[in-house]
Amino acid sequence: MLTKEDMKQVRKDHDDAYAEADRQRALAFAQADAEGLAQKDVIDATGYSRETVRRITREGQRLLAEQAPAEKGPAE
């Protein structure tokens, strides 16, 4: 029998998966922007509004900027 704690864990797992999907989407939007894919093409492909595409792209750029120092490793 499932308990209240089990259901809390189900909810947490769902929220975590959703957050990771959002993160991956943002990184893909930032990559598309960096590679020169026209914003209009992203809008056409996703059905998102121009502002939504911009917001997601900015989030992806922020995530990439946070990753960049970690990938460089320790300063020499």
Protein backbone atom coordinates (compact mmCIF):
# COMPACT_ATOMS: atom_id res chain seq x y z
CA MET A 1 0.00 0.00 0.00
CA LEU A 2 1.28 3.45 -0.90
CA THR A 3 1.83 5.86 1.92
CA LYS A 4 1.75 9.62 2.14
CA GLU A 5 5.56 9.60 2.04
CA ASP A 6 5.48 7.47 -1.12
CA MET A 7 3.21 10.02 -2.76
CA LYS A 8 5.49 12.85 -1.68
CA GLN A 9 8.36 11.02 -3.37
CA VAL A 10 6.29 10.51 -6.54
CA ARG A 11 5.62 14.24 -6.63
CA LYS A 12 9.30 15.08 -6.03
CA ASP A 13 10.42 12.69 -8.77
CA HIS A 14 7.93 14.25 -11.17
CA ASP A 15 9.04 17.77 -10.31
CA ASP A 16 12.71 16.80 -10.70
CA ALA A 17 12.05 15.25 -14.13
CA TYR A 18 10.10 18.32 -15.23
CA ALA A 19 12.92 20.64 -14.09
CA GLU A 20 15.51 18.58 -15.98
CA ALA A 21 13.38 18.65 -19.13
CA ASP A 22 13.13 22.45 -18.84
CA ARG A 23 16.89 22.67 -18.38
CA GLN A 24 17.58 20.53 -21.47
CA ARG A 25 15.12 22.61 -23.52
CA ALA A 26 16.80 25.84 -22.44
CA LEU A 27 20.23 24.50 -23.35
CA ALA A 28 18.96 23.42 -26.77
CA PHE A 29 17.46 26.87 -27.41
CA ALA A 30 20.74 28.53 -26.43
CA GLN A 31 22.66 26.16 -28.70
CA ALA A 32 20.30 26.88 -31.60
CA ASP A 33 20.82 30.60 -31.05
CA ALA A 34 24.61 30.21 -30.87
CA GLU A 35 24.58 28.20 -34.09
CA GLY A 36 22.58 30.90 -35.87
CA LEU A 37 19.18 29.25 -36.18
CA ALA A 38 16.70 32.03 -36.87
CA GLN A 39 14.34 32.84 -34.02
CA LYS A 40 11.47 32.65 -36.49
CA ASP A 41 12.38 29.04 -37.24
CA VAL A 42 12.38 28.19 -33.52
CA ILE A 43 8.98 29.86 -33.17
CA ASP A 44 7.63 27.94 -36.19
CA ALA A 45 9.03 24.63 -34.90
CA THR A 46 7.80 24.99 -31.33
CA GLY A 47 4.69 27.13 -31.57
CA TYR A 48 6.01 29.29 -28.74
CA SER A 49 5.64 33.07 -28.77
CA ARG A 50 8.62 35.27 -29.56
CA GLU A 51 8.90 36.33 -25.92
CA THR A 52 8.77 32.73 -24.70
CA VAL A 53 11.57 31.77 -27.11
CA ARG A 54 13.62 34.73 -25.89
CA ARG A 55 13.03 33.85 -22.24
CA ILE A 56 13.98 30.19 -22.72
CA THR A 57 17.04 31.15 -24.78
CA ARG A 58 18.24 33.57 -22.07
CA GLU A 59 17.82 30.84 -19.46
CA GLY A 60 19.89 28.47 -21.59
CA GLN A 61 22.58 31.09 -22.05
CA ARG A 62 22.68 31.61 -18.28
CA LEU A 63 23.04 27.87 -17.73
CA LEU A 64 25.84 27.65 -20.29
CA ALA A 65 27.66 30.56 -18.66
CA GLU A 66 27.44 28.78 -15.30
CA GLN A 67 28.82 25.58 -16.84
CA ALA A 68 31.72 27.29 -18.62
CA PRO A 69 33.88 28.01 -15.53
CA ALA A 70 33.37 24.45 -14.27
CA GLU A 71 34.50 23.01 -17.60
CA LYS A 72 37.72 25.06 -17.64
CA GLY A 73 38.94 23.36 -14.48
CA PRO A 74 41.20 24.87 -11.84
CA ALA A 75 43.24 27.94 -12.70
CA GLU A 76 46.83 27.23 -13.55
